[in-house]
Amino acid sequence: MKVLVTGGAGFIGRWVVKKLLHDGHSVWVLDDMSNGSPENLAEFAGNPALIVITGDIKNQTVLASLFENKFNIIIHLAANIIVQESIDNPRKVFENDVIGTFNLLEEAKKAGSRFAFMSTCMVYDTASASGAIAETHPTKAASPYAGAKLSGENMVQSYFHAYNLPIVILRPFNTYGPFQKSTGEGGVISVFIQKDLNGEDLNIYGDGTQTRDLMYVEDCADFVVRAAMSDKCSGEIVNAGLGTDVTINDLAAMICNDKERIKHVQHIHPQSEIPKLVCDRSKAKRLLGWEPKTSLAEGIGKTREFIEIH
């Protein structure tokens, strides 16, 4: 297959690229490098099956030239993903995540390319105290980031219904692992591990009782590629996650042995907080036979090893 991965130099993107190359596909990466990095793809340097282009999904001239390659599949990962940044600068997230997605859909329509859209679990409304979140769970645009992703989902679905474009919408739950940033823009596990290694305090927003379903990145990449390739997923929205959640308090305790260094601080965006996130992944198993292979403890260990080396 000829596959275009937008945002392919990002954290999840580089693992998707690795999986595609391993499976024998020809891969083009389009990334503006605002969040991704060429270093994330250094492992694949010299691979003739990989072409990396620095460019912007908002640039229609770049896209028109790129799509002369007649891609079989588009895996659209490029996005502004930081919730607080979307609250501070909603125009930026709208232009990247909505207009950029529209530009890609227009090119995919002309080429007849299969289109996999990376959405997020952050589009969901608060779950009940006991229930896992299935794809039918109510959505809620609690931040401009979530609003932009829901807008993107709706546009993608409209191309399925109006033009019969084969699409799939992916809603992975919180993903972590090697190559994720361990600064304030990174995920909670990477940030906590870096803070622990530095001997710094681990700051938890609010009371720490909020829960997250944390999926190791190689499991996420396997899901993304399988779903993008599958006829069974055409027109569908599909969740992926570990299927169990952990409180941020318990997560901090798993990563840091020194309770004195685990602190609670005022939440920076409480209006966008989802108190409980746990994935119902039964649809992914039914359609794709997909299940995560990496436990939380194992994944934290692999991530710590990577951060220590780098």
Protein backbone atom coordinates (compact mmCIF):
# COMPACT_ATOMS: atom_id res chain seq x y z
CA MET A 1 0.00 0.00 0.00
CA LYS A 2 0.97 3.64 -0.51
CA VAL A 3 0.17 5.36 2.78
CA LEU A 4 0.27 9.04 3.76
CA VAL A 5 0.70 9.70 7.48
CA THR A 6 0.07 13.33 8.47
CA GLY A 7 1.80 14.19 11.74
CA GLY A 8 4.03 11.18 11.16
CA ALA A 9 7.01 12.79 12.92
CA GLY A 10 5.00 13.15 16.13
CA PHE A 11 4.86 10.83 19.12
CA ILE A 12 2.15 8.40 17.96
CA GLY A 13 2.95 9.10 14.31
CA ARG A 14 6.49 7.73 14.45
CA TRP A 15 5.18 4.45 15.91
CA VAL A 16 2.52 4.24 13.20
CA VAL A 17 5.24 4.81 10.59
CA LYS A 18 7.38 2.08 12.18
CA LYS A 19 4.47 -0.38 12.08
CA LEU A 20 3.67 0.45 8.43
CA LEU A 21 7.30 0.06 7.33
CA HIS A 22 7.56 -3.21 9.25
CA ASP A 23 4.48 -4.47 7.41
CA GLY A 24 6.04 -3.65 4.03
CA HIS A 25 4.13 -0.52 2.99
CA SER A 26 5.46 2.59 1.23
CA VAL A 27 5.06 5.54 3.57
CA TRP A 28 4.97 9.29 3.01
CA VAL A 29 5.07 11.54 6.10
CA LEU A 30 3.73 15.10 6.00
CA ASP A 31 4.55 17.07 9.13
CA ASP A 32 5.11 20.78 9.77
CA MET A 33 7.44 19.86 12.67
CA SER A 34 5.64 22.24 15.05
CA ASN A 35 5.08 19.38 17.49
CA GLY A 36 6.89 16.50 15.80
CA SER A 37 10.62 16.19 15.17
CA PRO A 38 12.82 14.69 12.42
CA GLU A 39 14.70 12.96 15.25
CA ASN A 40 11.63 10.82 15.94
CA LEU A 41 12.10 9.25 12.48
CA ALA A 42 15.91 8.95 12.64
CA GLU A 43 15.62 5.18 13.20
CA PHE A 44 14.25 4.83 9.64
CA ALA A 45 16.78 7.09 7.88
CA GLY A 46 17.87 5.58 4.59
CA ASN A 47 14.79 3.34 4.29
CA PRO A 48 13.75 3.70 0.62
CA ALA A 49 10.13 3.00 1.55
CA LEU A 50 9.91 6.24 3.59
CA ILE A 51 9.65 9.80 2.24
CA VAL A 52 9.42 12.67 4.74
CA ILE A 53 8.05 16.05 3.64
CA THR A 54 8.05 19.12 5.87
CA GLY A 55 4.80 20.87 5.08
CA ASP A 56 1.46 22.06 6.40
CA ILE A 57 -1.97 20.46 5.91
CA LYS A 58 -3.37 24.00 5.59
CA ASN A 59 -1.28 24.52 2.43
CA GLN A 60 -3.44 23.33 -0.47
CA THR A 61 -0.59 23.67 -2.98
CA VAL A 62 1.57 21.30 -0.93
CA LEU A 63 -1.31 18.83 -0.67
CA ALA A 64 -2.15 18.95 -4.39
CA SER A 65 1.45 18.14 -5.28
CA LEU A 66 1.71 15.41 -2.64
CA PHE A 67 -1.49 13.67 -3.74
CA GLU A 68 -0.07 13.10 -7.22
CA ASN A 69 1.28 9.95 -5.53
CA LYS A 70 -2.25 8.44 -5.52
CA PHE A 71 -2.27 7.15 -1.94
CA ASN A 72 -4.31 4.09 -1.04
CA ILE A 73 -4.70 5.21 2.58
CA ILE A 74 -4.50 8.49 4.51
CA ILE A 75 -3.82 8.21 8.24
CA HIS A 76 -4.54 11.71 9.51
CA LEU A 77 -2.82 12.28 12.85
CA ALA A 78 -1.69 15.91 12.42
CA ALA A 79 -3.42 18.16 14.97
CA ASN A 80 -3.01 20.71 17.72
CA ILE A 81 -3.42 18.44 20.72
CA ILE A 82 -2.84 20.61 23.82
CA VAL A 83 -6.11 21.38 25.61
CA GLN A 84 -4.86 24.52 27.36
CA GLU A 85 -3.43 25.88 24.11
CA SER A 86 -6.83 25.37 22.45
CA ILE A 87 -8.47 27.38 25.26
CA ASP A 88 -5.88 30.16 24.91
CA ASN A 89 -5.87 30.19 21.09
CA PRO A 90 -9.05 28.60 19.67
CA ARG A 91 -8.49 30.00 16.17
CA LYS A 92 -5.22 28.09 15.81
CA VAL A 93 -6.79 24.76 16.78
CA PHE A 94 -9.78 25.39 14.49
CA GLU A 95 -7.59 26.19 11.49
CA ASN A 96 -5.32 23.19 12.01
CA ASP A 97 -7.80 20.56 13.15
CA VAL A 98 -10.90 21.53 11.15
CA ILE A 99 -9.75 23.37 8.01
CA GLY A 100 -6.67 21.13 7.67
CA THR A 101 -8.89 18.04 7.90
CA PHE A 102 -11.25 19.47 5.26
CA ASN A 103 -8.30 20.09 2.90
CA LEU A 104 -7.19 16.47 3.25
CA LEU A 105 -10.71 15.14 2.74
CA GLU A 106 -11.00 17.06 -0.52
CA GLU A 107 -7.78 15.48 -1.79
CA ALA A 108 -8.80 12.02 -0.55
CA LYS A 109 -12.14 12.36 -2.34
CA LYS A 110 -10.39 13.09 -5.66
CA ALA A 111 -7.96 10.20 -5.17
CA GLY A 112 -10.49 7.73 -3.73
CA SER A 113 -8.16 7.15 -0.76
CA ARG A 114 -9.28 5.37 2.39
CA PHE A 115 -9.25 7.93 5.24
CA ALA A 116 -8.48 7.21 8.91
CA PHE A 117 -9.10 10.18 11.21
CA MET A 118 -7.44 10.36 14.62
CA SER A 119 -9.94 11.76 17.09
CA THR A 120 -9.66 11.49 20.89
CA CYS A 121 -11.37 10.22 24.02
CA MET A 122 -11.55 13.88 25.08
CA VAL A 123 -14.71 14.26 22.96
CA TYR A 124 -16.70 12.19 25.48
CA ASP A 125 -18.96 13.53 28.18
CA THR A 126 -18.36 12.46 31.77
CA ALA A 127 -18.81 8.74 32.34
CA SER A 128 -20.96 7.33 35.12
CA ALA A 129 -19.16 6.22 38.26
CA SER A 130 -19.10 2.60 37.12
CA GLY A 131 -19.41 2.54 33.36
CA ALA A 132 -16.80 2.16 30.66
CA ILE A 133 -17.22 4.51 27.71
CA ALA A 134 -18.44 2.94 24.47
CA GLU A 135 -18.61 4.68 21.09
CA THR A 136 -22.32 5.42 21.66
CA HIS A 137 -21.55 7.42 24.83
CA PRO A 138 -22.67 11.10 24.65
CA THR A 139 -20.07 13.59 23.44
CA LYS A 140 -19.35 17.03 24.85
CA ALA A 141 -17.11 19.78 23.46
CA ALA A 142 -15.64 20.78 26.83
CA SER A 143 -12.69 22.56 25.15
CA PRO A 144 -12.00 24.04 21.71
CA TYR A 145 -9.71 21.02 21.17
CA ALA A 146 -12.63 18.63 21.72
CA GLY A 147 -14.88 20.89 19.65
CA ALA A 148 -12.43 20.87 16.75
CA LYS A 149 -12.10 17.09 16.90
CA LEU A 150 -15.89 16.66 16.89
CA SER A 151 -16.09 19.05 13.93
CA GLY A 152 -13.45 16.98 12.16
CA GLU A 153 -15.36 13.77 12.92
CA ASN A 154 -18.54 15.24 11.45
CA MET A 155 -16.77 16.35 8.28
CA VAL A 156 -15.16 12.92 7.88
CA GLN A 157 -18.53 11.18 8.36
CA SER A 158 -20.14 13.53 5.84
CA TYR A 159 -17.68 12.41 3.15
CA PHE A 160 -18.59 8.79 3.89
CA HIS A 161 -22.31 9.48 3.48
CA ALA A 162 -22.18 12.08 0.68
CA TYR A 163 -19.33 10.66 -1.44
CA ASN A 164 -19.03 7.05 -0.28
CA LEU A 165 -15.44 7.73 0.82
CA PRO A 166 -14.18 4.82 2.96
CA ILE A 167 -13.41 6.35 6.36
CA VAL A 168 -12.86 5.33 9.96
CA ILE A 169 -12.82 7.55 13.04
CA LEU A 170 -10.42 6.50 15.80
CA ARG A 171 -10.91 7.46 19.43
CA PRO A 172 -7.86 6.26 21.34
CA PHE A 173 -7.74 6.83 25.07
CA ASN A 174 -4.69 8.40 26.75
CA THR A 175 -1.56 7.07 25.03
CA TYR A 176 1.95 7.08 26.49
CA GLY A 177 5.38 5.62 25.85
CA PRO A 178 8.83 6.27 24.34
CA PHE A 179 9.25 9.46 22.26
CA GLN A 180 6.43 11.26 24.09
CA LYS A 181 7.49 14.67 25.34
CA SER A 182 8.22 14.75 29.07
CA THR A 183 7.74 18.51 29.36
CA GLY A 184 4.46 20.28 30.14
CA GLU A 185 3.23 19.43 26.63
CA GLY A 186 3.72 15.71 27.18
CA GLY A 187 1.53 13.03 28.68
CA VAL A 188 1.12 12.53 32.41
CA ILE A 189 3.26 9.37 32.58
CA SER A 190 6.23 10.87 30.70
CA VAL A 191 6.02 14.08 32.74
CA PHE A 192 5.82 12.20 36.06
CA ILE A 193 8.74 9.90 35.15
CA GLN A 194 10.95 12.85 34.15
CA LYS A 195 10.07 14.69 37.36
CA ASP A 196 10.84 11.57 39.42
CA LEU A 197 14.19 11.04 37.68
CA ASN A 198 15.06 14.71 38.32
CA GLY A 199 14.10 14.45 42.00
CA GLU A 200 11.41 17.08 41.49
CA ASP A 201 7.85 17.26 42.82
CA LEU A 202 5.07 15.51 40.90
CA ASN A 203 2.23 18.04 40.66
CA ILE A 204 -1.29 16.65 40.41
CA TYR A 205 -4.08 18.93 39.23
CA GLY A 206 -7.02 19.00 41.65
CA ASP A 207 -7.58 16.20 44.15
CA GLY A 208 -6.10 13.45 41.96
CA THR A 209 -9.19 11.25 42.03
CA GLN A 210 -9.72 11.75 38.28
CA THR A 211 -9.00 8.53 36.38
CA ARG A 212 -7.38 7.78 33.06
CA ASP A 213 -7.26 4.73 30.81
CA LEU A 214 -3.61 4.63 29.73
CA MET A 215 -2.61 2.69 26.60
CA TYR A 216 0.97 1.93 25.57
CA VAL A 217 1.91 3.57 22.28
CA GLU A 218 2.83 0.40 20.35
CA ASP A 219 -0.61 -0.99 21.14
CA CYS A 220 -2.12 2.28 19.90
CA ALA A 221 -0.09 2.17 16.66
CA ASP A 222 -1.15 -1.42 16.04
CA PHE A 223 -4.79 -0.36 16.47
CA VAL A 224 -4.43 2.64 14.16
CA VAL A 225 -2.88 0.62 11.34
CA ARG A 226 -5.32 -2.27 11.66
CA ALA A 227 -8.33 0.04 11.66
CA ALA A 228 -7.00 2.09 8.72
CA MET A 229 -6.60 -1.08 6.63
CA SER A 230 -9.89 -2.76 7.56
CA ASP A 231 -12.99 -2.86 5.35
CA LYS A 232 -14.99 -3.87 8.44
CA CYS A 233 -14.32 -0.46 10.02
CA SER A 234 -15.51 1.61 7.05
CA GLY A 235 -17.90 4.32 8.26
CA GLU A 236 -17.33 3.38 11.91
CA ILE A 237 -16.17 5.14 15.07
CA VAL A 238 -13.87 2.85 17.09
CA ASN A 239 -12.40 3.23 20.58
CA ALA A 240 -9.08 1.84 21.75
CA GLY A 241 -7.75 1.69 25.28
CA LEU A 242 -6.43 -0.61 27.98
CA GLY A 243 -9.95 -1.16 29.33
CA THR A 244 -9.04 -0.31 32.92
CA ASP A 245 -8.50 3.06 34.56
CA VAL A 246 -6.23 4.35 37.32
CA THR A 247 -6.53 7.46 39.48
CA ILE A 248 -3.83 10.08 38.99
CA ASN A 249 -3.00 9.69 42.70
CA ASP A 250 -2.35 5.96 42.25
CA LEU A 251 -0.42 6.58 39.03
CA ALA A 252 1.89 9.05 40.80
CA ALA A 253 2.47 6.51 43.58
CA MET A 254 3.41 3.86 40.97
CA ILE A 255 6.04 6.18 39.49
CA CYS A 256 7.42 7.93 42.60
CA ASN A 257 8.26 6.16 45.87
CA ASP A 258 8.65 9.42 47.81
CA LYS A 259 5.18 10.53 48.96
CA GLU A 260 6.62 13.88 50.06
CA ARG A 261 7.27 14.78 46.43
CA ILE A 262 3.67 14.14 45.30
CA LYS A 263 1.81 17.45 45.53
CA HIS A 264 -1.67 18.68 44.62
CA VAL A 265 -1.99 22.00 42.79
CA GLN A 266 -4.83 24.13 41.47
CA HIS A 267 -6.26 22.86 38.19
CA ILE A 268 -5.34 24.97 35.14
CA HIS A 269 -8.51 24.10 33.21
CA PRO A 270 -11.07 22.44 35.53
CA GLN A 271 -13.89 23.18 33.07
CA SER A 272 -12.31 20.74 30.58
CA GLU A 273 -11.50 17.97 33.07
CA ILE A 274 -13.18 14.59 32.58
CA PRO A 275 -13.39 12.96 36.04
CA LYS A 276 -13.48 9.34 34.82
CA LEU A 277 -12.09 7.90 31.61
CA VAL A 278 -12.20 4.15 31.02
CA CYS A 279 -12.51 2.60 27.58
CA ASP A 280 -15.00 0.03 26.39
CA ARG A 281 -12.84 -1.56 23.67
CA SER A 282 -15.23 -4.39 22.77
CA LYS A 283 -15.98 -2.93 19.31
CA ALA A 284 -12.28 -2.91 18.36
CA LYS A 285 -12.03 -6.54 19.42
CA ARG A 286 -15.17 -7.47 17.49
CA LEU A 287 -14.22 -5.69 14.26
CA LEU A 288 -10.43 -6.07 14.30
CA GLY A 289 -9.58 -8.77 16.81
CA TRP A 290 -7.55 -6.03 18.51
CA GLU A 291 -6.56 -6.11 22.18
CA PRO A 292 -3.73 -4.27 23.95
CA LYS A 293 -0.73 -6.43 24.83
CA THR A 294 1.10 -4.16 27.31
CA SER A 295 0.09 -3.79 30.95
CA LEU A 296 0.35 -0.39 32.64
CA ALA A 297 3.23 -1.52 34.87
CA GLU A 298 5.15 -2.97 31.90
CA GLY A 299 4.55 0.14 29.81
CA ILE A 300 5.70 2.47 32.60
CA GLY A 301 8.89 0.39 32.89
CA LYS A 302 9.61 0.64 29.14
CA THR A 303 8.93 4.37 29.16
CA ARG A 304 11.21 4.95 32.17
CA GLU A 305 14.03 3.03 30.45
CA PHE A 306 13.67 5.19 27.32
CA ILE A 307 13.64 8.48 29.26
CA GLU A 308 16.68 7.42 31.31
CA ILE A 309 18.69 6.74 28.13
CA HIS A 310 17.53 9.92 26.37
